[in-house]
N, C-alpha and C. Protein backbone atom coordinates (compact mmCIF):
# COMPACT_ATOMS: atom_id res chain seq x y z
N UNK A 1 -29.09 21.60 9.62
CA UNK A 1 -29.07 21.71 8.14
C UNK A 1 -28.95 20.33 7.54
N UNK A 2 -29.76 20.09 6.52
CA UNK A 2 -29.70 18.78 5.88
C UNK A 2 -29.34 18.91 4.38
N UNK A 3 -28.39 18.13 3.91
CA UNK A 3 -28.08 18.20 2.48
C UNK A 3 -28.29 16.79 1.92
N UNK A 4 -28.61 16.70 0.68
CA UNK A 4 -28.77 15.44 0.01
C UNK A 4 -27.44 14.91 -0.36
N UNK A 5 -27.29 13.56 -0.25
CA UNK A 5 -26.00 12.95 -0.62
C UNK A 5 -25.70 13.31 -2.08
N UNK A 6 -24.49 13.73 -2.31
CA UNK A 6 -24.09 14.05 -3.66
C UNK A 6 -24.43 15.49 -4.05
N UNK A 7 -25.12 16.22 -3.20
CA UNK A 7 -25.53 17.60 -3.57
C UNK A 7 -24.28 18.50 -3.63
N UNK A 8 -24.35 19.58 -4.34
CA UNK A 8 -23.18 20.54 -4.39
C UNK A 8 -22.86 21.02 -3.00
N UNK A 9 -23.81 21.26 -2.13
CA UNK A 9 -23.50 21.71 -0.75
C UNK A 9 -22.68 20.68 0.07
N UNK A 10 -23.15 19.39 -0.12
CA UNK A 10 -22.42 18.33 0.65
C UNK A 10 -21.09 18.15 0.10
N UNK A 11 -20.91 18.27 -1.23
CA UNK A 11 -19.60 18.07 -1.90
C UNK A 11 -18.69 19.20 -1.40
N UNK A 12 -19.16 20.46 -1.33
CA UNK A 12 -18.35 21.60 -0.84
C UNK A 12 -17.95 21.41 0.56
N UNK A 13 -18.87 20.95 1.43
CA UNK A 13 -18.51 20.64 2.83
C UNK A 13 -17.42 19.60 2.93
N UNK A 14 -17.57 18.55 2.13
CA UNK A 14 -16.62 17.43 2.18
C UNK A 14 -15.22 17.94 1.71
N UNK A 15 -15.14 18.75 0.72
CA UNK A 15 -13.88 19.24 0.24
C UNK A 15 -13.23 20.12 1.29
N UNK A 16 -13.99 20.89 1.98
CA UNK A 16 -13.38 21.69 3.12
C UNK A 16 -12.90 20.83 4.22
N UNK A 17 -13.60 19.74 4.57
CA UNK A 17 -13.14 18.83 5.58
C UNK A 17 -11.85 18.08 5.10
N UNK A 18 -11.78 17.67 3.88
CA UNK A 18 -10.68 16.99 3.29
C UNK A 18 -9.45 17.90 3.43
N UNK A 19 -9.59 19.13 3.00
CA UNK A 19 -8.45 20.09 3.02
C UNK A 19 -8.04 20.35 4.44
N UNK A 20 -8.88 20.37 5.38
CA UNK A 20 -8.49 20.62 6.82
C UNK A 20 -7.75 19.42 7.39
N UNK A 21 -8.16 18.21 7.06
CA UNK A 21 -7.75 17.03 7.72
C UNK A 21 -6.78 16.01 6.98
N UNK A 22 -6.72 16.15 5.66
CA UNK A 22 -5.87 15.22 4.86
C UNK A 22 -4.74 16.04 4.27
N UNK A 23 -3.53 15.46 4.33
CA UNK A 23 -2.32 16.12 3.81
C UNK A 23 -1.66 15.15 2.90
N UNK A 24 -1.11 15.64 1.77
CA UNK A 24 -0.26 14.89 0.97
C UNK A 24 1.06 15.64 0.85
N UNK A 25 2.13 15.07 1.50
CA UNK A 25 3.42 15.76 1.64
C UNK A 25 4.46 14.69 1.30
N UNK A 26 5.32 15.00 0.30
CA UNK A 26 6.41 14.08 -0.12
C UNK A 26 7.32 13.69 1.05
N UNK A 27 7.42 14.48 2.04
CA UNK A 27 8.24 14.25 3.19
C UNK A 27 7.55 13.34 4.25
N UNK A 28 6.31 13.03 4.10
CA UNK A 28 5.57 12.27 5.04
C UNK A 28 4.99 11.05 4.38
N UNK A 29 5.41 9.79 4.81
CA UNK A 29 4.92 8.55 4.30
C UNK A 29 5.02 8.50 2.73
N UNK A 30 6.12 8.99 2.22
CA UNK A 30 6.34 8.90 0.79
C UNK A 30 5.28 9.62 -0.08
N UNK A 31 4.61 10.62 0.47
CA UNK A 31 3.66 11.36 -0.28
C UNK A 31 2.27 10.79 -0.29
N UNK A 32 2.08 9.69 0.46
CA UNK A 32 0.72 9.03 0.51
C UNK A 32 -0.19 10.02 1.45
N UNK A 33 -1.44 10.04 1.04
CA UNK A 33 -2.38 10.84 1.88
C UNK A 33 -2.49 10.42 3.31
N UNK A 34 -2.28 11.31 4.19
CA UNK A 34 -2.34 11.04 5.71
C UNK A 34 -3.28 12.00 6.39
N UNK A 35 -3.60 11.59 7.62
CA UNK A 35 -4.33 12.51 8.46
C UNK A 35 -3.40 13.61 8.94
N UNK A 36 -3.76 14.82 8.77
CA UNK A 36 -2.87 15.95 9.17
C UNK A 36 -2.35 15.73 10.64
N UNK A 37 -1.04 16.01 10.76
CA UNK A 37 -0.40 15.98 12.04
C UNK A 37 -0.07 14.57 12.53
N UNK A 38 -0.31 13.56 11.67
CA UNK A 38 0.02 12.17 11.99
C UNK A 38 0.74 11.51 10.89
N UNK A 39 1.08 10.28 11.04
CA UNK A 39 1.60 9.49 9.96
C UNK A 39 0.65 8.29 9.69
N UNK A 40 -0.63 8.56 10.00
CA UNK A 40 -1.68 7.57 9.79
C UNK A 40 -2.20 7.82 8.31
N UNK A 41 -1.96 6.80 7.48
CA UNK A 41 -2.30 7.00 6.12
C UNK A 41 -3.83 6.68 5.86
N UNK A 42 -4.41 7.36 5.01
CA UNK A 42 -5.78 7.17 4.60
C UNK A 42 -5.97 5.69 4.25
N UNK A 43 -5.05 5.06 3.56
CA UNK A 43 -5.24 3.64 3.16
C UNK A 43 -5.32 2.71 4.37
N UNK A 44 -4.69 3.07 5.47
CA UNK A 44 -4.79 2.33 6.72
C UNK A 44 -6.23 2.27 7.24
N UNK A 45 -6.80 3.51 7.26
CA UNK A 45 -8.16 3.62 7.73
C UNK A 45 -9.16 2.91 6.85
N UNK A 46 -9.00 3.04 5.47
CA UNK A 46 -9.83 2.35 4.58
C UNK A 46 -9.72 0.82 4.71
N UNK A 47 -8.47 0.42 4.83
CA UNK A 47 -8.24 -1.04 5.03
C UNK A 47 -8.90 -1.62 6.32
N UNK A 48 -8.90 -0.85 7.36
CA UNK A 48 -9.56 -1.32 8.61
C UNK A 48 -11.07 -1.39 8.34
N UNK A 49 -11.61 -0.37 7.70
CA UNK A 49 -13.10 -0.29 7.42
C UNK A 49 -13.42 -1.53 6.49
N UNK A 50 -12.63 -1.74 5.51
CA UNK A 50 -12.84 -2.88 4.54
C UNK A 50 -12.72 -4.22 5.31
N UNK A 51 -11.94 -4.27 6.37
CA UNK A 51 -11.76 -5.47 7.11
C UNK A 51 -12.81 -5.68 8.20
N UNK A 52 -13.75 -4.78 8.20
CA UNK A 52 -14.92 -4.96 9.14
C UNK A 52 -14.75 -4.20 10.45
N UNK A 53 -13.73 -3.42 10.59
CA UNK A 53 -13.62 -2.63 11.81
C UNK A 53 -14.73 -1.62 11.96
N UNK A 54 -15.28 -1.40 13.10
CA UNK A 54 -16.30 -0.29 13.32
C UNK A 54 -15.54 0.96 13.71
N UNK A 55 -16.22 2.04 13.61
CA UNK A 55 -15.64 3.40 13.91
C UNK A 55 -14.95 3.32 15.33
N UNK A 56 -15.67 2.72 16.29
CA UNK A 56 -15.12 2.73 17.63
C UNK A 56 -13.81 1.97 17.66
N UNK A 57 -13.62 0.87 16.92
CA UNK A 57 -12.43 0.10 16.93
C UNK A 57 -11.32 0.87 16.30
N UNK A 58 -11.62 1.58 15.29
CA UNK A 58 -10.53 2.44 14.64
C UNK A 58 -10.10 3.50 15.60
N UNK A 59 -11.03 4.16 16.31
CA UNK A 59 -10.67 5.21 17.21
C UNK A 59 -9.91 4.65 18.41
N UNK A 60 -10.22 3.40 18.77
CA UNK A 60 -9.42 2.79 19.88
C UNK A 60 -8.02 2.45 19.41
N UNK A 61 -7.91 2.00 18.18
CA UNK A 61 -6.57 1.60 17.65
C UNK A 61 -5.73 2.85 17.38
N UNK A 62 -6.33 4.00 17.09
CA UNK A 62 -5.69 5.31 16.81
C UNK A 62 -6.30 6.37 17.70
N UNK A 63 -6.01 6.37 19.00
CA UNK A 63 -6.68 7.37 19.83
C UNK A 63 -6.41 8.84 19.43
N UNK A 64 -5.36 9.12 18.65
CA UNK A 64 -5.17 10.48 18.19
C UNK A 64 -6.11 10.95 17.09
N UNK A 65 -6.94 9.99 16.58
CA UNK A 65 -7.94 10.37 15.55
C UNK A 65 -9.22 10.74 16.16
N UNK A 66 -10.02 11.53 15.38
CA UNK A 66 -11.39 11.82 15.72
C UNK A 66 -12.32 11.24 14.71
N UNK A 67 -13.57 11.17 15.08
CA UNK A 67 -14.52 10.72 14.07
C UNK A 67 -14.43 11.50 12.75
N UNK A 68 -14.22 12.80 12.89
CA UNK A 68 -14.11 13.65 11.70
C UNK A 68 -12.91 13.22 10.84
N UNK A 69 -11.83 12.79 11.45
CA UNK A 69 -10.65 12.33 10.67
C UNK A 69 -11.07 11.14 9.82
N UNK A 70 -11.77 10.17 10.44
CA UNK A 70 -12.14 8.96 9.73
C UNK A 70 -13.06 9.30 8.59
N UNK A 71 -14.03 10.21 8.87
CA UNK A 71 -14.96 10.61 7.83
C UNK A 71 -14.22 11.30 6.70
N UNK A 72 -13.26 12.12 7.07
CA UNK A 72 -12.46 12.85 6.05
C UNK A 72 -11.71 11.90 5.16
N UNK A 73 -11.21 10.76 5.75
CA UNK A 73 -10.49 9.75 4.98
C UNK A 73 -11.49 9.12 3.97
N UNK A 74 -12.73 8.87 4.40
CA UNK A 74 -13.72 8.31 3.45
C UNK A 74 -14.16 9.32 2.39
N UNK A 75 -14.25 10.56 2.76
CA UNK A 75 -14.59 11.60 1.81
C UNK A 75 -13.44 11.80 0.79
N UNK A 76 -12.21 11.67 1.23
CA UNK A 76 -11.01 11.75 0.39
C UNK A 76 -11.09 10.66 -0.69
N UNK A 77 -11.28 9.42 -0.14
CA UNK A 77 -11.31 8.26 -1.04
C UNK A 77 -12.50 8.35 -2.10
N UNK A 78 -13.57 8.87 -1.64
CA UNK A 78 -14.70 9.10 -2.52
C UNK A 78 -14.42 10.10 -3.60
N UNK A 79 -13.72 11.21 -3.20
CA UNK A 79 -13.38 12.21 -4.11
C UNK A 79 -12.35 11.69 -5.20
N UNK A 80 -11.39 10.87 -4.75
CA UNK A 80 -10.36 10.39 -5.62
C UNK A 80 -11.07 9.39 -6.65
N UNK A 81 -11.87 8.59 -6.14
CA UNK A 81 -12.58 7.57 -7.02
C UNK A 81 -13.49 8.36 -7.99
N UNK A 82 -14.06 9.39 -7.61
CA UNK A 82 -14.97 10.14 -8.40
C UNK A 82 -14.20 10.86 -9.59
N UNK A 83 -12.97 11.15 -9.33
CA UNK A 83 -12.11 11.81 -10.36
C UNK A 83 -11.39 10.87 -11.32
N UNK A 84 -11.30 9.57 -10.93
CA UNK A 84 -10.59 8.58 -11.76
C UNK A 84 -11.40 8.03 -12.81
N UNK A 85 -10.75 7.67 -13.87
CA UNK A 85 -11.42 6.83 -14.93
C UNK A 85 -11.36 5.40 -14.49
N UNK A 86 -12.50 4.72 -14.43
CA UNK A 86 -12.59 3.43 -14.00
C UNK A 86 -12.54 2.46 -15.21
N UNK A 87 -11.65 1.54 -15.13
CA UNK A 87 -11.46 0.53 -16.21
C UNK A 87 -11.75 -0.88 -15.59
N UNK A 88 -12.59 -1.65 -16.33
CA UNK A 88 -12.93 -3.00 -15.88
C UNK A 88 -11.66 -3.89 -16.00
N UNK A 89 -11.34 -4.60 -14.97
CA UNK A 89 -10.24 -5.51 -14.98
C UNK A 89 -10.60 -6.85 -15.66
N UNK A 90 -9.71 -7.45 -16.40
CA UNK A 90 -9.96 -8.71 -17.01
C UNK A 90 -10.86 -8.66 -18.25
N UNK A 91 -11.08 -7.44 -18.71
CA UNK A 91 -11.90 -7.31 -19.92
C UNK A 91 -11.07 -7.25 -21.18
């Protein structure tokens, strides 16, 4: 099955994955979004990707993660940015 990026079907699939894999719990990491069942924060995964880490390097650093966990972190970040009002800095 193939969906276009940004299509309603892809968005629905991403939301399902996010709900299955990302948890926000005030008792875990101060309520920061984490991969379910771990204390690995979404921001750690995003920081590694921003720093140039490849998927394989992230999975090596966090063997308890799966590719789907890393993709869910990206989907979560995308959904959060999509819902936020973006304001230009320094304007």
